Amino acid sequence: MRTVDRCVVRCGRASVVFAAVAALSGLAACGDGDHPSTTPRAGAGGGAGSGAGSGTGGGGSGTTAAGGGTGGTAGGGGAVPESPLEAGIDEALAAGGGGAPAAARREIVPLSATEAANFRQGVDAFEVRGDDAAAKAAFEAVLASNPTAYRAAYNLGYLAERRGDTREAILSYQRALDIKPDYPNALRALFRLLERSGRVAEALSQVQSRASAFPDNNELQEILAEALIAANRADEGVVIARRMLLADANNLEAFQILLRASIQQGRSALTQELLTRIASNLEGSVPFDSCVGGGSPETRRACKLWAYCRFTLGRMAAEQGRKFEALQYFQNAIDADPTFVEARVLVAGYQLDGGQLGPAIENLEAARRVAPTWLPVLVGLGNAHRGQGNYAAAVQVLREAERLYPSAPEVPIALGLVYYDARTSNFEGLDRARADQTALEQFRRALGLMGGNDGELAALIQAAQADYDLATAPAPAPLEVPGGTGGAGDGWGGGWDSGGGGATDPGSGGATDDGWGGGGW
């Protein structure tokens, strides 16, 4: 049903998100926040059963793990990101405020042996056993024993974000920053979460108030520049980048800020020039082929910048219709940084379009590990599970998306498509008519959320209504055939006599010994 396909591609993502498909913002929104929020769409393929890729609207999960591992081939699942938790305790063991100004400095008390053991237990509970509750309890115990355990506070923020508790996540990230004001990962996570919740002004205010105390901290200044660019104040972000370049003419963070600003401002020639210059600088220190996981923090940061550059090249190729080349660049981005959520969502979108549902689910699950509550990941997983006929899994993940994003029209569209595809499967005990009715209710809800003026969704509703009308139409009356009825009343022109022969009108066949009427044929 091609109407369904088109609507999944367009209506399956918020119209406001990819209306600006050519305009990339500089918002840090994925992995550890080193990449821009994007508005990708992977193309218009994919049948109603296969689903289509979902777009992005901003917001991966904050993490210090740079993400190692070897990337897969294009079309494959790629490397799985490292844990999004703060897994190390070495920094937490070091006393001191990390260079904070005297007014902001707070002495960080080293973890005791017991606290360190509890911290490791929390990491193991999450990484090894997948036990979020045990991990949460362990980090809470560490923080209760040592109120300066900022990494435990950060991890509690991530776990809260993972279970969809945005308020608790924000409070935990703020607590981590109150303990360690120059903590870039917590600041990125806080900014991203506020911005994604539509609290853009508050997000920028939080970043400005905290980063202003550290004018010489390049990481915090980079986050501030990203926040300004995301707030359509790219010129102010450029000022920060130029100030950083005055101190270091080869400062890669500054070039990344300029690159983000050029993208937002639509200065394609400058974007290409910056991409070339950044690649040249990176090749001299950390060649792209060396980005295979691990390494020093500096190496991991360089690999993340490589990933961002390849992602940008992929977007440029996609906008020019070079789909295969774009896919290669997006996969390169994942290879260099497995936590690059936007790249994974885009690759998964191409895979969904091509019917590669298994690899798409692998990519989306890897993205979900880093961005557990991000709408495009959840909707993409719902579409992929639907394509596999796993309707229960599709509904489960989409109900979670519905809880987190009650005003997002792509969620009821995706839910409606699940029930529409499952209308002959007795899913949830629903017969065809009730499944069609449930699908219609979801589609109409989505249309209301979109203002009631979306032509493609209206066409989808019309098609689903026709299916529902067919399923609920009364059975046709028995066909009447002209002719007399005999004693048996069979309505076929004569009854059967006691000898078994067919009694017919004169001239149209007589009774025979064989009992079949005969004669007149």
Protein backbone atom coordinates (compact mmCIF):
# COMPACT_ATOMS: atom_id res chain seq x y z
CA MET A 1 0.00 0.00 0.00
CA ARG A 2 2.00 2.91 -1.31
CA THR A 3 -0.02 5.55 0.51
CA VAL A 4 1.09 3.95 3.75
CA ASP A 5 4.71 3.88 2.60
CA ARG A 6 4.77 7.56 1.71
CA CYS A 7 3.17 8.53 4.97
CA VAL A 8 5.66 6.55 7.02
CA VAL A 9 8.48 8.35 5.27
CA ARG A 10 7.02 11.82 5.68
CA CYS A 11 4.46 11.67 8.45
CA GLY A 12 6.45 9.11 10.40
CA ARG A 13 8.72 11.93 11.43
CA ALA A 14 7.64 15.24 12.80
CA SER A 15 7.09 17.59 9.89
CA VAL A 16 8.75 20.42 11.72
CA VAL A 17 11.90 18.34 12.18
CA PHE A 18 12.83 17.63 8.61
CA ALA A 19 11.27 20.64 6.98
CA ALA A 20 14.79 22.04 7.39
CA VAL A 21 16.53 18.95 6.05
CA ALA A 22 19.25 21.00 4.43
CA ALA A 23 20.01 23.05 7.53
CA LEU A 24 22.15 21.27 10.08
CA SER A 25 22.36 22.86 13.47
CA GLY A 26 25.42 22.78 15.66
CA LEU A 27 23.69 21.25 18.67
CA ALA A 28 25.64 18.54 20.42
CA ALA A 29 23.09 15.80 20.61
CA CYS A 30 24.49 12.33 20.35
CA GLY A 31 27.04 10.05 21.84
CA ASP A 32 28.83 12.23 24.34
CA GLY A 33 27.46 15.33 22.69
CA ASP A 34 30.26 15.84 20.19
CA HIS A 35 27.98 15.76 17.17
CA PRO A 36 25.22 18.01 15.86
CA SER A 37 21.54 17.33 16.11
CA THR A 38 20.32 16.57 12.65
CA THR A 39 17.24 16.15 10.55
CA PRO A 40 18.10 13.09 8.48
CA ARG A 41 15.81 11.13 6.25
CA ALA A 42 16.99 8.06 4.48
CA GLY A 43 14.79 7.99 1.44
CA ALA A 44 11.32 6.90 0.50
CA GLY A 45 11.60 3.15 0.22
CA GLY A 46 10.16 0.41 2.34
CA GLY A 47 6.79 -1.22 2.14
CA ALA A 48 4.11 -1.09 4.74
CA GLY A 49 5.49 -4.27 6.16
CA SER A 50 9.11 -3.19 6.19
CA GLY A 51 8.75 0.24 7.69
CA ALA A 52 10.90 3.22 6.99
CA GLY A 53 13.71 4.95 8.77
CA SER A 54 12.85 7.54 11.29
CA GLY A 55 14.18 11.05 11.42
CA THR A 56 15.98 12.70 14.25
CA GLY A 57 14.89 15.46 16.49
CA GLY A 58 17.82 15.87 18.80
CA GLY A 59 19.27 14.16 21.75
CA GLY A 60 21.43 11.18 22.30
CA SER A 61 22.62 10.28 25.73
CA GLY A 62 25.61 11.86 27.40
CA THR A 63 28.59 9.61 27.93
CA THR A 64 32.26 9.72 28.59
CA ALA A 65 32.88 6.51 26.72
CA ALA A 66 34.34 7.47 23.41
CA GLY A 67 33.31 4.20 21.92
CA GLY A 68 35.84 1.80 20.61
CA GLY A 69 35.51 -1.33 18.59
CA THR A 70 35.86 -2.02 14.95
CA GLY A 71 33.13 -0.83 12.69
CA GLY A 72 31.14 -3.18 10.52
CA THR A 73 30.70 -2.90 6.81
CA ALA A 74 28.20 -0.56 5.31
CA GLY A 75 24.81 -2.08 5.75
CA GLY A 76 25.94 -3.97 8.84
CA GLY A 77 25.32 -3.26 12.46
CA GLY A 78 28.72 -1.72 13.10
CA ALA A 79 30.53 -1.72 16.41
CA VAL A 80 28.59 -1.69 19.64
CA PRO A 81 29.24 1.41 21.74
CA GLU A 82 31.02 1.16 25.03
CA SER A 83 29.08 1.67 28.20
CA PRO A 84 27.42 5.09 28.40
CA LEU A 85 28.09 5.10 32.13
CA GLU A 86 31.09 6.72 33.75
CA ALA A 87 32.95 3.49 34.28
CA GLY A 88 36.26 4.77 35.66
CA ILE A 89 36.85 5.90 39.20
CA ASP A 90 40.37 7.25 38.86
CA GLU A 91 39.22 10.85 38.45
CA ALA A 92 36.73 10.48 41.28
CA LEU A 93 39.57 9.32 43.50
CA ALA A 94 41.57 12.49 42.83
CA ALA A 95 40.88 15.26 45.30
CA GLY A 96 40.57 18.85 44.15
CA GLY A 97 38.22 20.91 42.07
CA GLY A 98 39.86 20.40 38.72
CA GLY A 99 41.03 23.96 38.30
CA ALA A 100 37.79 25.59 39.34
CA PRO A 101 37.87 29.21 40.49
CA ALA A 102 38.16 29.69 44.24
CA ALA A 103 34.52 30.75 44.53
CA ALA A 104 33.32 27.63 42.72
CA ARG A 105 35.84 25.12 44.02
CA ARG A 106 34.56 22.28 46.14
CA GLU A 107 36.90 19.74 47.58
CA ILE A 108 36.23 16.30 46.15
CA VAL A 109 36.72 13.62 48.76
CA PRO A 110 38.42 10.50 47.38
CA LEU A 111 36.30 7.38 47.35
CA SER A 112 37.02 4.90 50.08
CA ALA A 113 37.74 1.28 49.20
CA THR A 114 34.15 0.35 50.02
CA GLU A 115 32.76 3.21 47.95
CA ALA A 116 34.99 2.31 45.02
CA ALA A 117 33.84 -1.32 45.25
CA ASN A 118 30.20 -0.20 45.26
CA PHE A 119 30.86 2.02 42.27
CA ARG A 120 32.34 -0.89 40.33
CA GLN A 121 29.41 -3.08 41.35
CA GLY A 122 27.06 -0.50 39.87
CA VAL A 123 28.96 -0.45 36.60
CA ASP A 124 29.04 -4.26 36.47
CA ALA A 125 25.33 -4.48 37.26
CA PHE A 126 24.56 -2.33 34.25
CA GLU A 127 27.20 -3.53 31.81
CA VAL A 128 27.31 -7.25 32.59
CA ARG A 129 23.86 -8.11 33.93
CA GLY A 130 21.77 -5.33 32.46
CA ASP A 131 20.30 -4.74 35.91
CA ASP A 132 19.42 -1.05 36.00
CA ALA A 133 17.82 -1.28 39.44
CA ALA A 134 20.93 -2.80 41.02
CA ALA A 135 23.14 -0.24 39.29
CA LYS A 136 20.95 2.58 40.58
CA ALA A 137 21.08 1.22 44.13
CA ALA A 138 24.87 0.92 44.00
CA PHE A 139 25.42 4.48 42.77
CA GLU A 140 22.93 5.84 45.30
CA ALA A 141 24.88 4.07 48.04
CA VAL A 142 28.13 5.65 46.83
CA LEU A 143 26.59 9.11 46.73
CA ALA A 144 24.96 8.71 50.14
CA SER A 145 28.30 7.72 51.62
CA ASN A 146 30.32 10.33 49.70
CA PRO A 147 28.30 13.39 48.58
CA THR A 148 31.19 14.50 46.33
CA ALA A 149 31.05 11.39 44.11
CA TYR A 150 30.16 13.36 40.99
CA ARG A 151 30.50 10.42 38.63
CA ALA A 152 27.95 8.47 40.66
CA ALA A 153 25.60 11.46 40.33
CA TYR A 154 26.16 11.51 36.58
CA ASN A 155 25.46 7.80 36.28
CA LEU A 156 22.23 8.22 38.22
CA GLY A 157 21.29 10.90 35.71
CA TYR A 158 21.91 8.55 32.81
CA LEU A 159 19.90 5.76 34.44
CA ALA A 160 17.04 8.19 35.10
CA GLU A 161 17.16 9.30 31.49
CA ARG A 162 17.15 5.66 30.40
CA ARG A 163 13.92 4.97 32.27
CA GLY A 164 12.34 8.16 30.94
CA ASP A 165 12.46 10.19 34.15
CA THR A 166 13.56 13.48 32.64
CA ARG A 167 13.12 15.50 35.82
CA GLU A 168 15.28 13.16 37.89
CA ALA A 169 17.89 13.02 35.13
CA ILE A 170 18.17 16.81 35.02
CA LEU A 171 18.47 17.02 38.80
CA SER A 172 21.21 14.37 38.84
CA TYR A 173 23.20 16.09 36.10
CA GLN A 174 22.86 19.39 37.95
CA ARG A 175 24.04 17.73 41.15
CA ALA A 176 27.11 16.38 39.36
CA LEU A 177 27.86 19.90 38.11
CA ASP A 178 27.34 21.39 41.55
CA ILE A 179 30.02 19.00 42.82
CA LYS A 180 32.38 19.49 39.87
CA PRO A 181 31.49 22.68 37.98
CA ASP A 182 33.94 22.01 35.12
CA TYR A 183 32.46 18.58 34.32
CA PRO A 184 31.88 18.67 30.54
CA ASN A 185 29.98 15.40 30.18
CA ALA A 186 27.34 16.41 32.71
CA LEU A 187 27.01 19.87 31.14
CA ARG A 188 26.52 18.34 27.69
CA ALA A 189 23.94 15.91 29.03
CA LEU A 190 22.06 18.64 30.90
CA PHE A 191 22.02 20.95 27.90
CA ARG A 192 20.85 18.24 25.55
CA LEU A 193 18.05 17.07 27.81
CA LEU A 194 16.71 20.59 28.40
CA GLU A 195 16.90 21.50 24.73
CA ARG A 196 15.16 18.30 23.65
CA SER A 197 12.37 19.04 26.13
CA GLY A 198 11.78 22.35 24.37
CA ARG A 199 13.39 24.39 27.15
CA VAL A 200 15.91 26.01 24.82
CA ALA A 201 16.28 29.29 26.70
CA GLU A 202 16.81 27.46 29.99
CA ALA A 203 19.31 25.13 28.34
CA LEU A 204 21.39 28.01 27.01
CA SER A 205 21.15 29.82 30.35
CA GLN A 206 22.45 26.77 32.21
CA VAL A 207 25.40 26.42 29.85
CA GLN A 208 26.23 30.13 29.90
CA SER A 209 26.14 30.39 33.68
CA ARG A 210 28.40 27.39 34.16
CA ALA A 211 30.82 27.79 31.24
CA SER A 212 31.42 31.50 31.88
CA ALA A 213 33.39 30.60 35.01
CA PHE A 214 35.91 28.66 32.90
CA PRO A 215 36.93 30.87 29.94
CA ASP A 216 40.11 28.84 29.43
CA ASN A 217 38.42 25.43 29.46
CA ASN A 218 38.11 24.54 25.78
CA GLU A 219 35.62 21.72 26.33
CA LEU A 220 33.20 23.93 28.23
CA GLN A 221 33.65 26.77 25.77
CA GLU A 222 32.93 24.38 22.93
CA ILE A 223 29.69 23.32 24.63
CA LEU A 224 28.77 26.99 25.04
CA ALA A 225 29.44 27.61 21.37
CA GLU A 226 27.29 24.60 20.45
CA ALA A 227 24.48 25.93 22.62
CA LEU A 228 24.69 29.34 20.97
CA ILE A 229 24.65 27.81 17.50
CA ALA A 230 21.66 25.66 18.46
CA ALA A 231 19.89 28.83 19.61
CA ASN A 232 20.47 30.42 16.18
CA ARG A 233 23.24 32.63 17.54
CA ALA A 234 26.00 31.19 15.37
CA ASP A 235 27.90 34.47 15.17
CA GLU A 236 28.47 34.38 18.93
CA GLY A 237 29.71 30.82 18.63
CA VAL A 238 32.17 31.96 15.97
CA VAL A 239 33.50 34.61 18.38
CA ILE A 240 34.30 31.86 20.87
CA ALA A 241 36.05 29.82 18.19
CA ARG A 242 38.18 32.77 17.11
CA ARG A 243 39.20 33.43 20.70
CA MET A 244 40.29 29.80 20.99
CA LEU A 245 42.28 30.08 17.76
CA LEU A 246 44.15 33.11 19.07
CA ALA A 247 45.52 30.90 21.83
CA ASP A 248 46.14 27.93 19.51
CA ALA A 249 46.04 28.37 15.75
CA ASN A 250 45.48 24.63 15.27
CA ASN A 251 42.79 24.16 17.90
CA LEU A 252 40.57 21.40 16.49
CA GLU A 253 37.65 22.21 18.80
CA ALA A 254 37.63 25.73 17.39
CA PHE A 255 37.55 24.42 13.83
CA GLN A 256 34.68 22.14 14.76
CA ILE A 257 32.74 25.12 16.11
CA LEU A 258 33.38 27.02 12.87
CA LEU A 259 32.27 23.98 10.89
CA ARG A 260 29.00 23.74 12.80
CA ALA A 261 28.38 27.45 12.37
CA SER A 262 29.04 27.29 8.62
CA ILE A 263 26.58 24.41 8.29
CA GLN A 264 23.85 26.27 10.15
CA GLN A 265 24.43 29.39 8.08
CA GLY A 266 24.34 27.43 4.82
CA ARG A 267 27.84 28.49 3.75
CA SER A 268 28.65 25.35 1.76
CA ALA A 269 31.94 26.59 0.32
CA LEU A 270 33.24 27.44 3.78
CA THR A 271 32.00 24.09 5.07
CA GLN A 272 33.97 22.25 2.40
CA GLU A 273 37.08 24.32 3.09
CA LEU A 274 36.87 23.60 6.82
CA LEU A 275 36.34 19.88 6.22
CA THR A 276 39.49 19.79 4.10
CA ARG A 277 41.54 21.71 6.66
CA ILE A 278 40.34 19.61 9.60
CA ALA A 279 41.08 16.37 7.75
CA SER A 280 44.56 17.61 6.89
CA ASN A 281 45.29 18.47 10.52
CA LEU A 282 43.89 15.19 11.81
CA GLU A 283 45.85 13.05 9.35
CA GLY A 284 49.06 14.41 10.81
CA SER A 285 48.19 13.29 14.33
CA VAL A 286 45.45 10.64 14.29
CA PRO A 287 44.85 9.15 10.81
CA PHE A 288 41.29 8.02 10.17
CA ASP A 289 42.33 4.39 9.75
CA SER A 290 43.70 4.40 13.31
CA CYS A 291 40.23 5.04 14.76
CA VAL A 292 39.54 1.45 15.74
CA GLY A 293 38.70 1.94 19.40
CA GLY A 294 40.60 2.62 22.57
CA GLY A 295 43.51 5.00 22.80
CA SER A 296 44.07 8.09 24.86
CA PRO A 297 41.32 10.65 25.51
CA GLU A 298 42.98 12.90 22.91
CA THR A 299 42.87 10.10 20.33
CA ARG A 300 39.22 9.40 21.06
CA ARG A 301 38.36 13.08 20.71
CA ALA A 302 40.14 13.17 17.36
CA CYS A 303 38.22 10.11 16.22
CA LYS A 304 34.96 11.77 17.20
CA LEU A 305 35.91 14.76 15.09
CA TRP A 306 36.70 12.41 12.19
CA ALA A 307 33.26 10.89 12.67
CA TYR A 308 31.59 14.29 12.60
CA CYS A 309 33.42 15.24 9.41
CA ARG A 310 32.45 12.00 7.68
CA PHE A 311 28.88 12.46 8.84
CA THR A 312 28.83 15.97 7.39
CA LEU A 313 30.16 14.68 4.07
CA GLY A 314 27.43 12.06 4.13
CA ARG A 315 24.75 14.68 4.63
CA MET A 316 26.11 16.69 1.75
CA ALA A 317 26.13 13.59 -0.48
CA ALA A 318 22.58 12.68 0.56
CA GLU A 319 21.30 16.16 -0.24
CA GLN A 320 22.78 15.80 -3.72
CA GLY A 321 21.12 12.43 -4.27
CA ARG A 322 24.29 10.34 -3.94
CA LYS A 323 22.67 7.75 -1.70
CA PHE A 324 25.32 5.02 -1.80
CA GLU A 325 28.13 7.49 -1.14
CA ALA A 326 26.16 9.00 1.74
CA LEU A 327 25.65 5.56 3.27
CA GLN A 328 29.40 4.90 3.11
CA TYR A 329 30.16 8.17 4.90
CA PHE A 330 27.57 7.49 7.60
CA GLN A 331 29.06 4.05 8.18
CA ASN A 332 32.53 5.64 8.34
CA ALA A 333 31.19 7.89 11.09
CA ILE A 334 30.03 4.85 13.07
CA ASP A 335 33.37 3.13 12.53
CA ALA A 336 35.20 6.13 13.98
CA ASP A 337 32.71 6.66 16.80
CA PRO A 338 30.30 3.83 17.62
CA THR A 339 28.37 6.18 19.93
CA PHE A 340 27.35 8.39 16.99
CA VAL A 341 23.60 7.95 17.37
CA GLU A 342 22.48 10.09 14.44
CA ALA A 343 24.68 8.15 12.04
CA ARG A 344 23.28 4.87 13.32
CA VAL A 345 19.71 6.10 12.87
CA LEU A 346 20.45 7.11 9.28
CA VAL A 347 22.17 3.84 8.42
CA ALA A 348 19.26 1.97 9.99
CA GLY A 349 16.90 4.03 7.84
CA TYR A 350 18.68 2.89 4.69
CA GLN A 351 18.60 -0.68 5.96
CA LEU A 352 14.87 -0.48 6.64
CA ASP A 353 14.31 0.88 3.15
CA GLY A 354 16.22 -2.11 1.77
CA GLY A 355 14.40 -4.67 3.88
CA GLN A 356 17.49 -5.39 6.01
CA LEU A 357 15.47 -5.54 9.19
CA GLY A 358 17.92 -7.53 11.31
CA PRO A 359 20.90 -5.21 10.74
CA ALA A 360 18.61 -2.20 11.20
CA ILE A 361 17.48 -3.48 14.59
CA GLU A 362 21.12 -4.08 15.59
CA ASN A 363 21.99 -0.47 14.76
CA LEU A 364 18.94 0.91 16.51
CA GLU A 365 19.51 -1.18 19.62
CA ALA A 366 23.12 0.06 19.71
CA ALA A 367 21.80 3.61 19.39
CA ARG A 368 19.26 2.96 22.12
CA ARG A 369 22.03 1.91 24.48
CA VAL A 370 23.48 5.40 24.18
CA ALA A 371 20.23 7.32 23.65
CA PRO A 372 17.66 5.23 25.52
CA THR A 373 14.73 7.63 25.24
CA TRP A 374 15.39 9.32 21.91
CA LEU A 375 12.24 9.45 19.79
CA PRO A 376 13.78 8.53 16.39
CA VAL A 377 15.40 5.45 17.90
CA LEU A 378 12.15 4.28 19.50
CA VAL A 379 10.03 4.90 16.41
CA GLY A 380 12.65 3.27 14.19
CA LEU A 381 12.66 0.18 16.40
CA GLY A 382 8.88 0.07 16.30
CA ASN A 383 8.91 0.18 12.51
CA ALA A 384 11.60 -2.50 12.30
CA HIS A 385 9.81 -4.89 14.67
CA ARG A 386 6.60 -4.32 12.72
CA GLY A 387 8.42 -5.21 9.52
CA GLN A 388 9.47 -8.51 11.08
CA GLY A 389 5.91 -9.23 12.13
CA ASN A 390 6.89 -8.92 15.78
CA TYR A 391 3.89 -6.78 16.62
CA ALA A 392 4.13 -7.23 20.40
CA ALA A 393 7.70 -5.88 20.47
CA ALA A 394 6.69 -3.02 18.17
CA VAL A 395 3.80 -1.98 20.39
CA GLN A 396 5.94 -2.24 23.53
CA VAL A 397 8.60 0.17 22.29
CA LEU A 398 6.05 2.52 20.72
CA ARG A 399 4.00 2.69 23.92
CA GLU A 400 7.19 3.79 25.67
CA ALA A 401 7.64 6.46 22.99
CA GLU A 402 4.02 7.49 23.47
CA ARG A 403 4.59 7.91 27.21
CA LEU A 404 7.67 10.04 26.65
CA TYR A 405 6.39 12.04 23.66
CA PRO A 406 2.59 12.31 23.96
CA SER A 407 2.45 15.14 21.41
CA ALA A 408 4.63 13.54 18.72
CA PRO A 409 2.44 12.57 15.72
CA GLU A 410 4.89 9.99 14.41
CA VAL A 411 4.14 7.74 17.40
CA PRO A 412 0.40 7.22 16.73
CA ILE A 413 1.20 6.85 13.03
CA ALA A 414 3.64 4.05 13.81
CA LEU A 415 1.18 2.45 16.24
CA GLY A 416 -1.60 2.68 13.67
CA LEU A 417 0.58 0.93 11.11
CA VAL A 418 1.24 -1.91 13.55
CA TYR A 419 -2.48 -2.57 13.98
CA TYR A 420 -3.10 -2.08 10.27
CA ASP A 421 -0.46 -4.65 9.33
CA ALA A 422 -1.67 -7.03 12.06
CA ARG A 423 -5.33 -6.90 11.09
CA THR A 424 -5.33 -10.51 9.82
CA SER A 425 -3.18 -11.90 12.66
CA ASN A 426 -5.65 -11.77 15.57
CA PHE A 427 -3.06 -9.61 17.36
CA GLU A 428 -4.13 -8.82 20.94
CA GLY A 429 -7.27 -10.84 20.25
CA LEU A 430 -8.52 -8.24 17.76
CA ASP A 431 -10.41 -9.37 14.70
CA ARG A 432 -9.88 -7.56 11.43
CA ALA A 433 -12.59 -4.98 12.02
CA ARG A 434 -11.38 -4.04 15.49
CA ALA A 435 -7.74 -3.91 14.35
CA ASP A 436 -8.77 -1.59 11.51
CA GLN A 437 -10.72 0.53 13.99
CA THR A 438 -7.71 0.78 16.33
CA ALA A 439 -5.48 1.78 13.42
CA LEU A 440 -7.98 4.44 12.36
CA GLU A 441 -8.11 5.86 15.88
CA GLN A 442 -4.33 6.20 15.94
CA PHE A 443 -4.16 7.79 12.49
CA ARG A 444 -6.87 10.31 13.38
CA ARG A 445 -5.07 11.17 16.60
CA ALA A 446 -1.91 11.81 14.62
CA LEU A 447 -3.80 14.02 12.18
CA GLY A 448 -5.11 16.06 15.08
CA LEU A 449 -1.61 16.49 16.46
CA MET A 450 -0.49 17.70 13.04
CA GLY A 451 -3.22 20.32 12.84
CA GLY A 452 -5.55 18.32 10.64
CA ASN A 453 -4.04 19.57 7.39
CA ASP A 454 -1.78 16.76 6.20
CA GLY A 455 -2.87 15.42 2.82
CA GLU A 456 -0.92 12.19 2.88
CA LEU A 457 -2.11 11.22 6.32
CA ALA A 458 -5.67 12.06 5.30
CA ALA A 459 -5.26 9.73 2.32
CA LEU A 460 -4.00 7.00 4.64
CA ILE A 461 -7.05 7.46 6.85
CA GLN A 462 -9.30 7.22 3.80
CA ALA A 463 -7.66 3.95 2.72
CA ALA A 464 -7.88 2.49 6.23
CA GLN A 465 -11.51 3.57 6.46
CA ALA A 466 -12.25 1.68 3.24
CA ASP A 467 -10.66 -1.44 4.73
CA TYR A 468 -12.72 -1.02 7.89
CA ASP A 469 -15.94 -0.55 5.90
CA LEU A 470 -15.19 -3.72 3.96
CA ALA A 471 -14.49 -5.68 7.15
CA THR A 472 -17.73 -4.52 8.79
CA ALA A 473 -20.03 -4.70 5.76
CA PRO A 474 -22.97 -7.14 6.17
CA ALA A 475 -22.75 -10.45 4.33
CA PRO A 476 -24.47 -10.35 0.91
CA ALA A 477 -27.90 -11.97 0.58
CA PRO A 478 -28.02 -15.42 -1.10
CA LEU A 479 -28.16 -15.25 -4.86
CA GLU A 480 -31.64 -16.01 -6.23
CA VAL A 481 -31.85 -18.00 -9.50
CA PRO A 482 -35.10 -17.95 -11.52
CA GLY A 483 -36.85 -21.31 -11.75
CA GLY A 484 -39.44 -23.49 -10.08
CA THR A 485 -38.80 -25.54 -7.03
CA GLY A 486 -39.73 -29.13 -6.61
CA GLY A 487 -40.65 -31.06 -3.57
CA ALA A 488 -37.08 -30.89 -2.27
CA GLY A 489 -37.07 -27.09 -2.59
CA ASP A 490 -33.49 -26.88 -3.89
CA GLY A 491 -34.23 -23.86 -6.07
CA TRP A 492 -32.44 -25.31 -9.10
CA GLY A 493 -35.49 -25.93 -11.25
CA GLY A 494 -36.78 -29.20 -9.84
CA GLY A 495 -36.85 -31.50 -6.88
CA TRP A 496 -35.61 -35.04 -6.67
CA ASP A 497 -38.30 -37.69 -7.00
CA SER A 498 -38.55 -40.73 -4.82
CA GLY A 499 -36.54 -42.74 -7.29
CA GLY A 500 -33.71 -40.30 -7.18
CA GLY A 501 -34.28 -38.95 -10.69
CA GLY A 502 -34.61 -35.23 -11.37
CA ALA A 503 -38.17 -34.24 -12.16
CA THR A 504 -38.07 -31.45 -14.73
CA ASP A 505 -40.40 -29.53 -16.93
CA PRO A 506 -41.44 -31.20 -20.14
CA GLY A 507 -38.88 -30.83 -22.86
CA SER A 508 -36.02 -30.00 -20.58
CA GLY A 509 -35.00 -33.48 -19.59
CA GLY A 510 -36.75 -36.52 -18.26
CA ALA A 511 -36.21 -38.96 -15.46
CA THR A 512 -33.73 -41.71 -16.34
CA ASP A 513 -32.75 -44.99 -14.88
CA ASP A 514 -29.44 -43.61 -13.69
CA GLY A 515 -31.20 -41.09 -11.46
CA TRP A 516 -29.41 -38.03 -12.94
CA GLY A 517 -32.26 -36.48 -14.88
CA GLY A 518 -30.54 -36.86 -18.29
CA GLY A 519 -32.49 -36.62 -21.50
CA GLY A 520 -32.71 -32.93 -22.05
CA TRP A 521 -28.96 -32.11 -21.90
